Every structure is written in C-alpha cells, then in structure tokens.
Amino acid sequence: MSHAAIATAPSSARRWIACVVLLAGAFLPPADFFIVNVSLSSIHEALHATPAQLQLVISGYGVGYAVFLVTGGRLGDLYGRRRMFLLGMAGFTLTNMLCGVATSASALVIARVVQGITASLLVPQVLGAMPTLFDNERGLSRAMSAYGIMMGLAAAAGQFGGGALVAWSPWDLGWRGVFLLKLPVCLAVFAAAWFVVPETSTSRRARLDGGGIVLLSAMLACLILPLVEGRQLHWPPWTIAGLACAPVLLAAFLVWEARFARRGGMPLLDPALLRIPSFRRGAAVATLFYFTTPFYLLFGLYEQEGRGTDPLFTGLAFLPYGIGLFVGSMGSAPLPASLRPRLLTIGMVIQVAGYAAIGLGVANGLPPWQVTLAVFIAGFGQGIALPRLYNVALGRVPPDKGGVAAGVINSLMQIGSAIGVAAIGSLFFAVLGGAHGEPAYAHAFGAAMIAVVAALALAMLATMLRD
C-alpha cells in the first residue's frame, strides 16, 4: 500500500491494526533485554559463563543494536520499511532460536550480538512508519503515546516473565525457555505484519555510509572490549592499545562523516545535526541516560547470587520498576502544556533520587520494602523523563532530518547502555573480588550505584542548560 493510498483510506481501522502489529514487534527487543537479564544467574551455572561473558550477553546485544540502528533506518528508507520490518522480525525470530539452543557461553554471546543487529532492522521502521500512518496531529500523538506505554509494559513484562519462565521451567527448558518460548509470539507478529502492515516509505536512491559503519564499529570495539575483558585479564597490552585507539577512531569517524556529507552521501551522523544546540544537549543526555542499564544486571546478580533468591523472586523484585515506568508515562501525559518543558528535568531528579536510595538501601541493609519503594521511584522518574527526552532532542530538528536524528538519539542511548554495562560492571566485579555472601554483594552493588548516580546526575545537570 503506497503513502498516497494510506492518506486517502476511508477508514482508520487498518492504520490502527497496522500500528498495533508494529508496536508488538517493537515490544519484543526491549522485553528481550529485560527477560534475559533475570536469567543471567541460570546461564552462568548452566554454561559456566565468566563475568565478562555475562556482561557481553547484555552489552553485546546493545552494541549490535546501537551500531546498526541508524543503518537499519537508512535501509528502510531505501528499500521499504515494511520489507525491513519483516526481515528484522525474521532475523530476530531465528536468533532467538539460536540463543535458545546455544551450547556454550561464546555461542550465546555471538547469537546475542547478531540478535541485536536484527533488532536494529526492526525497531527504526516502527517510529519511521508512524508519521505516514497517522497524518494528523491527534492520531500521531496517540500512536506515540502508545509507543511510550509499550516501553513500560516491555519492562514490567520482561522482568517478571523472565523470572517466571526460569522458575517454572516448562518442559524443563530452564533459562532456554526465555528464548524458545518467545518463538510462537515472534512468528505470530511476523505473520500478522505480512498481511496488515503497509509500505510507508518512498523509494529513493542514496549511498550507504559503509565507511562510517566500519569506523564506528571499530571505535566501539576498541572501547568496550578492553573495559569488559581488561580487569579479568589483568590489563594486557592489547587492552591499553584498544583504549588508546578509541578516541583516534572517533575523530576519524567524525572527519569521515563530514567528508561523506560534502560528497552528497547520507552519513551515519549528519554533521549539520551537531550545530543544533538542543540536539547536542539531547544527545549528551541520551548517552548518559542509559548508564542506568548496569542496574538491571547488577541488581539481578545481587538478588540471586548475594541473597540467594530464585529467578521468579528476582523478577518480582524488578516488577516495581516496570510499574513505575508505566505509571510515570501515563501520569505525565495529561499534564498541562506549561509544565511539559520542565518534565525532563523533573523526571531526572526523581530518577537520581530513586537510584541513590536503591544503592544506599542495599548497601546499608535497609528493609526490603524500602528498597522496593526506591525501585518504583527510579522507574517512575524514567517514565516521566524518557518521552520528554525525545522532544528536547528532536524538537528543533528540521523535518527532513527527523528520522536520522531519532536514529542517532536511539543509537547513543544504546551505546551509553553498552559502555555503562562494561565500565560499571567491571567496577562491581573489581570491588566484589572473590568474596561471597550478601554483605559482599551489597557493598559491591553500592559502589556500582555511586557510578550510576554520578552519570545520571551529569545528565540531569545537562537538562538544565539553556540553548
């Protein structure tokens, strides 16, 4: 179905059916992150995974997603969003199966990286299709609100679902169930998308930024792999060399992007975007925003390894975060327009307070209900801040660069997530050393949360700057 056909359709029924199917597809990648997180302890036991491999199960997925997210959006523009959504959905389904049948930690890490790449094909098509499916402000606003609510549901359902599947272990699948039992859902979304999702992109020819993809990938590898492996290997020369090469590769990437744009190409990062003050501020906040990701990894390890809780209880411990995120998104939507410009800062302040309270509560052995309340507060703050972050970053971006800018912001979030897991995860394991028991895990978790709160506080201060 062409753009013109959508615009002239007599009924909005098919648009909303297509929207629901697209949202179902976009629901799966974030839910997959949360659902895998609470399974890490079981993966550690079953596959004898090292701490670095456990980090890569999370950060490898994030890196694969982040590096190719903008490229996925470009491919949708060039070859059709429907086609790329279906291709991404098929790849995501296949890699879920490969993760579920992995026989070693290395095989699981490789499958997770590829899974992140397939997610990068899938997700950009959802946001890219919305303005075409809904060509009026009211319909588009409702669709984007539904997208935000979906993110909250993914967090809540993923955390609890992962714990429940590992604990109940249908057909004795154990941790493999968190991958294999999603296959029917993935296949159902693929089939529905095949029949009801129309094509929403216009065909246009442009050269892909292959050089930018290579340079950015190399820069991330030089940064993240040493951070993940360095401590465990006692910082051999290659880790120091990799960290030294990272800023050089970043500079080369920025020079390449500028030259590529001058030659009329479609760069991975459009240099013109960096000249927009609100976008630069939003990009800085976005990168630091997902430094909260180590919380999910480390809180799960504290609950299971430190306190000895089972995966189901761990999933329940995360549930207040997802509920808070959902309530924050829903509760802030109807607030008056005069308050909306300040919602990003307000949400960030609440988030910082929540994460600080979690770290202090765990480190000082406060009652579980107080930690649970702090977890809810942190999620509530993120639910308020996240929708506003996109508005701040993209509000002054020209319409013809809106899709590129959204892809860059999403990429920076995922890059921040991967770096945060690598760096703060390494800090956690360094403080933990070879110790065991709840006090040791609580102390290491508290130290890691200081780093998380520091990154969030910097992001909060950045939201207070004026253009």
Protein backbone atom coordinates (compact mmCIF):
# COMPACT_ATOMS: atom_id res chain seq x y z
CA MET A 1 0.00 0.00 0.00
CA SER A 2 1.51 3.33 -1.04
CA HIS A 3 1.75 6.51 1.01
CA ALA A 4 -0.99 8.07 -1.10
CA ALA A 5 -3.23 5.08 -0.61
CA ILE A 6 -2.84 5.31 3.15
CA ALA A 7 -3.61 9.01 3.18
CA THR A 8 -6.82 8.54 1.20
CA ALA A 9 -8.08 5.46 3.04
CA PRO A 10 -11.75 5.94 4.09
CA SER A 11 -11.25 4.30 7.46
CA SER A 12 -8.54 4.42 10.09
CA ALA A 13 -9.19 0.81 11.17
CA ARG A 14 -6.35 -0.69 9.14
CA ARG A 15 -3.97 2.03 10.28
CA TRP A 16 -4.57 1.15 13.91
CA ILE A 17 -4.36 -2.57 13.23
CA ALA A 18 -1.02 -1.99 11.50
CA CYS A 19 0.08 0.23 14.39
CA VAL A 20 -0.73 -2.48 16.93
CA VAL A 21 1.25 -5.06 14.95
CA LEU A 22 4.21 -2.69 14.61
CA LEU A 23 4.11 -1.95 18.34
CA ALA A 24 4.02 -5.68 19.05
CA GLY A 25 7.20 -6.04 17.00
CA ALA A 26 8.84 -3.08 18.77
CA PHE A 27 7.80 -4.58 22.13
CA LEU A 28 9.97 -7.66 21.63
CA PRO A 29 13.54 -6.18 21.61
CA PRO A 30 13.24 -4.23 24.92
CA ALA A 31 11.29 -7.08 26.51
CA ASP A 32 14.05 -9.42 25.36
CA PHE A 33 16.62 -7.33 27.21
CA PHE A 34 14.67 -7.45 30.47
CA ILE A 35 13.67 -11.09 30.13
CA VAL A 36 17.28 -12.18 29.62
CA ASN A 37 18.60 -10.04 32.46
CA VAL A 38 16.95 -12.08 35.22
CA SER A 39 18.20 -15.30 33.59
CA LEU A 40 21.90 -14.45 33.90
CA SER A 41 22.49 -16.44 37.07
CA SER A 42 20.98 -19.56 35.49
CA ILE A 43 23.05 -19.01 32.33
CA HIS A 44 26.15 -18.65 34.50
CA GLU A 45 25.52 -22.01 36.15
CA ALA A 46 24.45 -23.92 33.03
CA LEU A 47 27.11 -22.67 30.61
CA HIS A 48 29.87 -21.84 33.15
CA ALA A 49 29.97 -18.30 31.80
CA THR A 50 32.64 -15.91 33.08
CA PRO A 51 31.63 -12.48 34.45
CA ALA A 52 32.87 -10.89 31.21
CA GLN A 53 30.73 -13.26 29.13
CA LEU A 54 27.69 -12.46 31.28
CA GLN A 55 28.29 -8.77 30.64
CA LEU A 56 28.58 -9.45 26.90
CA VAL A 57 25.25 -11.29 26.88
CA ILE A 58 23.76 -7.87 27.71
CA SER A 59 26.25 -5.38 26.26
CA GLY A 60 26.86 -7.41 23.06
CA TYR A 61 23.16 -7.20 22.27
CA GLY A 62 23.22 -3.46 22.99
CA VAL A 63 26.28 -2.84 20.81
CA GLY A 64 24.89 -4.81 17.87
CA TYR A 65 21.69 -2.82 18.17
CA ALA A 66 23.37 0.56 18.62
CA VAL A 67 25.91 0.31 15.82
CA PHE A 68 23.39 -0.64 13.14
CA LEU A 69 20.31 1.25 14.33
CA VAL A 70 20.78 4.25 12.05
CA THR A 71 21.77 1.92 9.21
CA GLY A 72 18.55 -0.01 9.77
CA GLY A 73 16.61 3.21 9.40
CA ARG A 74 18.50 4.04 6.21
CA LEU A 75 17.73 0.62 4.74
CA GLY A 76 14.04 1.17 5.46
CA ASP A 77 14.13 4.48 3.58
CA LEU A 78 15.92 2.92 0.63
CA TYR A 79 14.29 -0.50 0.31
CA GLY A 80 10.98 -0.18 2.16
CA ARG A 81 10.08 -0.09 5.86
CA ARG A 82 7.68 -3.00 5.56
CA ARG A 83 10.36 -5.12 3.92
CA MET A 84 12.97 -4.24 6.56
CA PHE A 85 10.48 -4.81 9.40
CA LEU A 86 9.72 -8.28 8.07
CA LEU A 87 13.40 -9.03 7.52
CA GLY A 88 14.25 -7.82 11.02
CA MET A 89 11.39 -9.82 12.52
CA ALA A 90 12.52 -12.97 10.70
CA GLY A 91 16.10 -12.46 11.87
CA PHE A 92 15.01 -11.76 15.43
CA THR A 93 13.00 -14.98 15.43
CA LEU A 94 15.90 -17.03 14.08
CA THR A 95 18.42 -15.59 16.54
CA ASN A 96 16.03 -16.25 19.42
CA MET A 97 16.14 -19.89 18.42
CA LEU A 98 19.96 -19.84 18.13
CA CYS A 99 20.21 -18.32 21.62
CA GLY A 100 17.86 -20.98 22.98
CA VAL A 101 19.92 -23.89 21.62
CA ALA A 102 23.38 -22.41 22.40
CA THR A 103 25.69 -25.00 23.94
CA SER A 104 28.38 -22.61 25.17
CA ALA A 105 28.64 -19.10 26.56
CA SER A 106 30.62 -17.97 23.50
CA ALA A 107 27.90 -19.24 21.14
CA LEU A 108 25.27 -17.41 23.20
CA VAL A 109 27.24 -14.15 23.09
CA ILE A 110 27.64 -14.38 19.30
CA ALA A 111 23.93 -15.10 18.85
CA ARG A 112 23.07 -12.14 21.10
CA VAL A 113 25.23 -9.77 19.06
CA VAL A 114 23.52 -10.91 15.85
CA GLN A 115 20.16 -10.64 17.60
CA GLY A 116 20.92 -7.00 18.39
CA ILE A 117 21.68 -6.39 14.72
CA THR A 118 18.35 -7.89 13.67
CA ALA A 119 16.58 -5.71 16.26
CA SER A 120 18.24 -2.67 14.65
CA LEU A 121 16.49 -3.55 11.39
CA LEU A 122 13.14 -3.97 13.10
CA VAL A 123 12.75 -1.06 15.54
CA PRO A 124 13.51 2.00 13.33
CA GLN A 125 10.76 1.01 10.92
CA VAL A 126 8.14 1.38 13.67
CA LEU A 127 8.89 5.02 14.51
CA GLY A 128 9.53 5.76 10.83
CA ALA A 129 6.11 4.46 9.81
CA MET A 130 4.07 6.39 12.39
CA PRO A 131 4.03 9.85 10.71
CA THR A 132 2.86 8.25 7.46
CA LEU A 133 0.24 6.01 9.03
CA PHE A 134 -1.15 8.96 11.03
CA ASP A 135 -1.06 12.16 9.01
CA ASN A 136 -2.92 14.24 11.62
CA GLU A 137 -1.50 15.53 14.91
CA ARG A 138 -4.09 13.87 17.15
CA GLY A 139 -3.63 10.41 15.66
CA LEU A 140 0.15 10.68 15.68
CA SER A 141 0.16 11.88 19.29
CA ARG A 142 -1.96 8.90 20.36
CA ALA A 143 0.30 6.50 18.45
CA MET A 144 3.47 7.90 20.04
CA SER A 145 1.88 7.74 23.50
CA ALA A 146 1.08 4.10 22.80
CA TYR A 147 4.74 3.60 21.92
CA GLY A 148 5.78 5.01 25.30
CA ILE A 149 3.28 2.85 27.16
CA MET A 150 4.55 -0.18 25.23
CA MET A 151 8.07 0.51 26.53
CA GLY A 152 6.76 0.47 30.10
CA LEU A 153 4.89 -2.76 29.53
CA ALA A 154 8.01 -4.32 27.99
CA ALA A 155 10.00 -3.52 31.12
CA ALA A 156 7.39 -4.93 33.50
CA ALA A 157 6.50 -7.99 31.43
CA GLY A 158 10.12 -8.79 30.61
CA GLN A 159 11.39 -8.72 34.18
CA PHE A 160 8.57 -10.81 35.61
CA GLY A 161 8.29 -13.07 32.56
CA GLY A 162 11.97 -13.97 32.60
CA GLY A 163 11.90 -14.88 36.27
CA ALA A 164 8.68 -16.84 35.90
CA LEU A 165 9.91 -18.84 32.90
CA VAL A 166 13.19 -19.79 34.57
CA ALA A 167 11.49 -20.66 37.87
CA TRP A 168 8.63 -22.68 36.37
CA SER A 169 10.83 -24.13 33.59
CA PRO A 170 8.13 -25.51 31.25
CA TRP A 171 9.24 -28.79 29.67
CA ASP A 172 12.45 -28.49 31.75
CA LEU A 173 13.80 -25.82 29.41
CA GLY A 174 15.32 -23.74 32.23
CA TRP A 175 16.90 -20.50 31.00
CA ARG A 176 16.47 -21.66 27.40
CA GLY A 177 12.74 -21.10 27.79
CA VAL A 178 13.18 -17.31 27.84
CA PHE A 179 14.28 -17.61 24.20
CA LEU A 180 12.47 -20.64 22.82
CA LEU A 181 9.05 -19.85 24.29
CA LYS A 182 9.07 -16.47 22.53
CA LEU A 183 9.23 -18.14 19.12
CA PRO A 184 5.43 -18.56 18.70
CA VAL A 185 4.95 -14.87 19.55
CA CYS A 186 7.64 -13.83 17.06
CA LEU A 187 6.09 -15.98 14.33
CA ALA A 188 2.62 -14.58 15.04
CA VAL A 189 3.88 -10.99 14.75
CA PHE A 190 5.68 -11.82 11.50
CA ALA A 191 2.56 -13.40 10.01
CA ALA A 192 0.34 -10.50 11.08
CA ALA A 193 2.79 -7.94 9.70
CA TRP A 194 2.92 -9.77 6.38
CA PHE A 195 -0.82 -9.28 5.90
CA VAL A 196 -1.68 -5.95 7.57
CA VAL A 197 1.39 -3.67 7.62
CA PRO A 198 1.51 -1.44 4.52
CA GLU A 199 4.54 0.09 2.89
CA THR A 200 5.13 3.61 4.24
CA SER A 201 8.42 4.69 2.66
CA THR A 202 9.07 6.34 -0.65
CA SER A 203 11.83 4.82 -2.74
CA ARG A 204 14.91 6.96 -3.14
CA ARG A 205 18.47 6.12 -4.02
CA ALA A 206 21.31 7.01 -1.68
CA ARG A 207 24.68 5.52 -0.94
CA LEU A 208 25.04 3.78 2.41
CA ASP A 209 27.76 5.09 4.71
CA GLY A 210 29.86 1.93 4.79
CA GLY A 211 32.97 3.75 5.97
CA GLY A 212 31.07 5.32 8.86
CA ILE A 213 29.69 1.93 9.92
CA VAL A 214 33.19 0.39 9.90
CA LEU A 215 34.79 3.27 11.84
CA LEU A 216 32.04 3.44 14.45
CA SER A 217 32.09 -0.33 14.92
CA ALA A 218 35.88 -0.34 15.34
CA MET A 219 35.71 2.55 17.82
CA LEU A 220 33.12 0.76 19.95
CA ALA A 221 35.10 -2.49 19.86
CA CYS A 222 38.26 -0.69 20.98
CA LEU A 223 36.37 0.95 23.82
CA ILE A 224 34.06 -1.77 25.10
CA LEU A 225 36.10 -4.97 24.75
CA PRO A 226 39.01 -3.70 26.89
CA LEU A 227 36.59 -2.46 29.54
CA VAL A 228 34.88 -5.85 29.66
CA GLU A 229 37.96 -8.10 29.47
CA GLY A 230 40.72 -5.91 30.91
CA ARG A 231 40.20 -6.42 34.66
CA GLN A 232 39.84 -10.19 34.38
CA LEU A 233 42.97 -10.47 32.18
CA HIS A 234 44.99 -8.03 34.34
CA TRP A 235 45.04 -5.38 31.60
CA PRO A 236 47.32 -6.90 28.93
CA PRO A 237 48.88 -4.52 26.35
CA TRP A 238 46.12 -5.02 23.77
CA THR A 239 43.51 -3.59 26.16
CA ILE A 240 45.57 -0.43 26.73
CA ALA A 241 46.19 -0.12 22.98
CA GLY A 242 42.48 -0.52 22.28
CA LEU A 243 41.50 2.22 24.72
CA ALA A 244 44.15 4.49 23.21
CA CYS A 245 42.83 3.86 19.69
CA ALA A 246 39.20 4.64 20.59
CA PRO A 247 39.47 8.48 20.56
CA VAL A 248 41.56 8.35 17.37
CA LEU A 249 38.89 6.27 15.65
CA LEU A 250 36.19 8.63 16.94
CA ALA A 251 37.99 11.59 15.40
CA ALA A 252 38.42 9.68 12.13
CA PHE A 253 34.72 8.83 12.18
CA LEU A 254 33.71 12.49 12.57
CA VAL A 255 36.08 13.59 9.76
CA TRP A 256 34.74 10.83 7.51
CA GLU A 257 31.13 11.83 8.20
CA ALA A 258 31.81 15.46 7.28
CA ARG A 259 33.51 14.49 4.02
CA PHE A 260 30.85 11.94 3.18
CA ALA A 261 28.13 14.59 3.63
CA ARG A 262 30.00 17.07 1.43
CA ARG A 263 30.14 14.45 -1.34
CA GLY A 264 26.35 14.21 -1.24
CA GLY A 265 26.15 10.97 0.72
CA MET A 266 23.79 10.13 3.56
CA PRO A 267 26.12 9.99 6.59
CA LEU A 268 25.52 7.85 9.64
CA LEU A 269 25.78 11.02 11.75
CA ASP A 270 24.79 14.16 9.85
CA PRO A 271 27.26 16.91 10.91
CA ALA A 272 24.50 19.52 10.49
CA LEU A 273 22.69 17.99 13.46
CA LEU A 274 25.60 18.83 15.76
CA ARG A 275 25.10 22.52 15.01
CA ILE A 276 21.66 22.45 16.67
CA PRO A 277 22.14 23.30 20.39
CA SER A 278 19.06 21.43 21.63
CA PHE A 279 20.08 18.33 19.70
CA ARG A 280 23.61 18.44 21.14
CA ARG A 281 22.15 18.74 24.64
CA GLY A 282 19.68 15.92 23.98
CA ALA A 283 22.47 13.74 22.59
CA ALA A 284 24.58 14.26 25.73
CA VAL A 285 21.63 13.45 27.99
CA ALA A 286 20.70 10.40 25.88
CA THR A 287 24.21 8.94 26.11
CA LEU A 288 24.27 9.24 29.91
CA PHE A 289 20.59 8.34 30.32
CA TYR A 290 21.10 4.61 29.74
CA PHE A 291 24.11 4.37 32.04
CA THR A 292 21.35 3.05 34.29
CA THR A 293 21.48 -0.27 32.40
CA PRO A 294 24.05 -1.84 34.79
CA PHE A 295 21.40 -1.58 37.50
CA TYR A 296 19.40 -4.37 35.85
CA LEU A 297 22.42 -6.65 35.54
CA LEU A 298 23.86 -5.99 39.00
CA PHE A 299 20.61 -5.88 40.95
CA GLY A 300 19.75 -9.27 39.48
CA LEU A 301 23.16 -10.66 40.49
CA TYR A 302 22.78 -9.19 43.99
CA GLU A 303 19.35 -10.79 44.39
CA GLN A 304 20.33 -14.22 43.06
CA GLU A 305 24.00 -14.59 43.97
CA GLY A 306 24.05 -12.43 47.10
CA ARG A 307 20.66 -13.06 48.67
CA GLY A 308 20.16 -16.49 47.10
CA THR A 309 16.70 -15.74 45.70
CA ASP A 310 15.25 -17.72 42.81
CA PRO A 311 14.64 -16.21 39.33
CA LEU A 312 10.91 -15.76 39.98
CA PHE A 313 11.53 -13.71 43.12
CA THR A 314 14.16 -11.70 41.23
CA GLY A 315 11.62 -10.97 38.52
CA LEU A 316 9.18 -9.79 41.17
CA ALA A 317 11.90 -7.55 42.66
CA PHE A 318 12.21 -5.79 39.30
CA LEU A 319 8.47 -5.52 38.75
CA PRO A 320 8.05 -2.21 40.68
CA TYR A 321 10.49 -0.59 38.24
CA GLY A 322 8.39 -1.53 35.23
CA ILE A 323 5.20 -0.48 37.02
CA GLY A 324 6.78 2.85 37.95
CA LEU A 325 7.89 3.43 34.37
CA PHE A 326 4.38 2.68 33.11
CA VAL A 327 2.71 4.90 35.72
CA GLY A 328 5.16 7.74 35.06
CA SER A 329 4.50 7.65 31.31
CA MET A 330 0.72 7.52 31.77
CA GLY A 331 0.58 10.07 34.58
CA SER A 332 2.68 12.74 32.87
CA ALA A 333 0.85 12.61 29.53
CA PRO A 334 -2.19 14.72 30.54
CA LEU A 335 -0.21 17.37 32.46
CA PRO A 336 -0.68 20.99 31.29
CA ALA A 337 1.46 22.23 28.43
CA SER A 338 3.09 24.87 30.67
CA LEU A 339 4.68 22.12 32.75
CA ARG A 340 5.90 19.91 29.92
CA PRO A 341 9.18 21.78 29.17
CA ARG A 342 10.30 21.01 32.74
CA LEU A 343 9.27 17.35 32.78
CA LEU A 344 12.65 16.07 31.59
CA THR A 345 14.46 17.73 34.49
CA ILE A 346 11.74 16.73 36.97
CA GLY A 347 11.90 13.12 35.81
CA MET A 348 15.69 13.09 36.01
CA VAL A 349 15.65 14.50 39.56
CA ILE A 350 13.24 11.75 40.62
CA GLN A 351 15.40 9.13 38.90
CA VAL A 352 18.58 10.29 40.61
CA ALA A 353 16.84 10.22 43.99
CA GLY A 354 15.45 6.74 43.30
CA TYR A 355 18.76 5.21 42.22
CA ALA A 356 20.61 6.83 45.12
CA ALA A 357 18.02 5.39 47.50
CA ILE A 358 18.40 1.92 45.96
CA GLY A 359 22.19 1.97 46.37
CA LEU A 360 22.02 3.27 49.94
CA GLY A 361 19.24 0.87 50.85
CA VAL A 362 21.07 -2.21 49.62
CA ALA A 363 24.50 -1.17 50.95
CA ASN A 364 23.10 -0.37 54.41
CA GLY A 365 20.80 -3.37 54.68
CA LEU A 366 17.52 -1.44 54.84
CA PRO A 367 14.24 -3.43 54.93
CA PRO A 368 13.23 -4.90 51.53
CA TRP A 369 10.06 -2.81 51.32
CA GLN A 370 12.12 0.38 51.39
CA VAL A 371 14.34 -0.89 48.57
CA THR A 372 11.21 -1.88 46.63
CA LEU A 373 9.81 1.65 47.06
CA ALA A 374 13.09 3.11 45.79
CA VAL A 375 12.98 0.80 42.75
CA PHE A 376 9.47 2.07 41.97
CA ILE A 377 10.59 5.71 42.33
CA ALA A 378 13.51 5.18 39.92
CA GLY A 379 11.18 3.65 37.33
CA PHE A 380 8.61 6.40 37.87
CA GLY A 381 11.23 9.05 37.17
CA GLN A 382 12.34 7.34 33.98
CA GLY A 383 8.72 7.08 32.84
CA ILE A 384 8.39 10.86 33.15
CA ALA A 385 11.76 11.72 31.61
CA LEU A 386 12.02 9.35 28.66
CA PRO A 387 9.18 10.73 26.47
CA ARG A 388 10.38 14.29 27.07
CA LEU A 389 13.95 13.42 26.13
CA TYR A 390 12.90 12.80 22.54
CA ASN A 391 11.03 16.13 22.46
CA VAL A 392 14.05 18.07 23.73
CA ALA A 393 16.48 16.38 21.35
CA LEU A 394 14.28 16.43 18.24
CA GLY A 395 12.08 19.49 18.78
CA ARG A 396 14.21 21.88 16.69
CA VAL A 397 15.48 19.37 14.15
CA PRO A 398 14.29 20.12 10.57
CA PRO A 399 11.58 17.68 9.40
CA ASP A 400 13.78 16.28 6.64
CA LYS A 401 16.36 15.23 9.24
CA GLY A 402 13.89 13.96 11.86
CA GLY A 403 14.33 10.26 11.11
CA VAL A 404 18.12 10.50 11.07
CA ALA A 405 18.12 12.45 14.34
CA ALA A 406 15.82 9.94 16.05
CA GLY A 407 18.09 7.11 14.95
CA VAL A 408 21.16 8.91 16.31
CA ILE A 409 19.49 9.54 19.69
CA ASN A 410 18.42 5.90 19.97
CA SER A 411 21.91 4.79 18.99
CA LEU A 412 23.52 6.99 21.63
CA MET A 413 21.20 5.52 24.24
CA GLN A 414 22.27 2.01 23.32
CA ILE A 415 25.95 2.97 23.15
CA GLY A 416 25.64 4.50 26.62
CA SER A 417 23.98 1.29 27.77
CA ALA A 418 26.80 -0.89 26.43
CA ILE A 419 29.57 1.30 27.83
CA GLY A 420 27.78 1.56 31.16
CA VAL A 421 27.46 -2.21 31.47
CA ALA A 422 31.12 -2.68 30.55
CA ALA A 423 32.60 0.03 32.78
CA ILE A 424 30.31 -0.11 35.82
CA GLY A 425 30.03 -3.90 35.60
CA SER A 426 33.83 -4.08 35.75
CA LEU A 427 33.78 -1.80 38.80
CA PHE A 428 31.26 -4.08 40.51
CA PHE A 429 33.33 -7.22 39.95
CA ALA A 430 36.55 -5.43 40.94
CA VAL A 431 35.03 -4.38 44.28
CA LEU A 432 33.49 -7.82 44.77
CA GLY A 433 36.77 -9.63 44.11
CA GLY A 434 36.38 -13.27 45.06
CA ALA A 435 34.07 -12.60 48.00
CA HIS A 436 30.72 -14.32 48.53
CA GLY A 437 27.59 -13.69 50.56
CA GLU A 438 25.07 -10.88 50.80
CA PRO A 439 27.31 -8.29 52.59
CA ALA A 440 29.97 -8.55 49.87
CA TYR A 441 27.46 -8.28 47.04
CA ALA A 442 25.67 -5.41 48.80
CA HIS A 443 28.94 -3.50 49.17
CA ALA A 444 29.90 -4.03 45.51
CA PHE A 445 26.39 -3.06 44.38
CA GLY A 446 26.50 0.12 46.46
CA ALA A 447 29.84 1.10 44.90
CA ALA A 448 28.49 0.49 41.39
CA MET A 449 25.38 2.55 42.11
CA ILE A 450 27.57 5.53 43.04
CA ALA A 451 28.84 5.48 39.44
CA VAL A 452 25.30 5.09 38.06
CA VAL A 453 24.03 8.03 40.11
CA ALA A 454 27.02 10.17 39.11
CA ALA A 455 26.30 9.60 35.40
CA LEU A 456 22.60 10.34 35.88
CA ALA A 457 23.40 13.48 37.87
CA LEU A 458 25.53 14.76 34.97
CA ALA A 459 22.63 14.05 32.60
CA MET A 460 20.26 15.87 34.98
CA LEU A 461 22.55 18.94 35.03
CA ALA A 462 22.69 18.89 31.23
CA THR A 463 18.87 19.11 31.09
CA MET A 464 19.05 22.42 32.98
CA LEU A 465 21.22 24.12 30.35
CA ARG A 466 19.62 26.65 28.05
CA ASP A 467 20.13 26.77 24.29
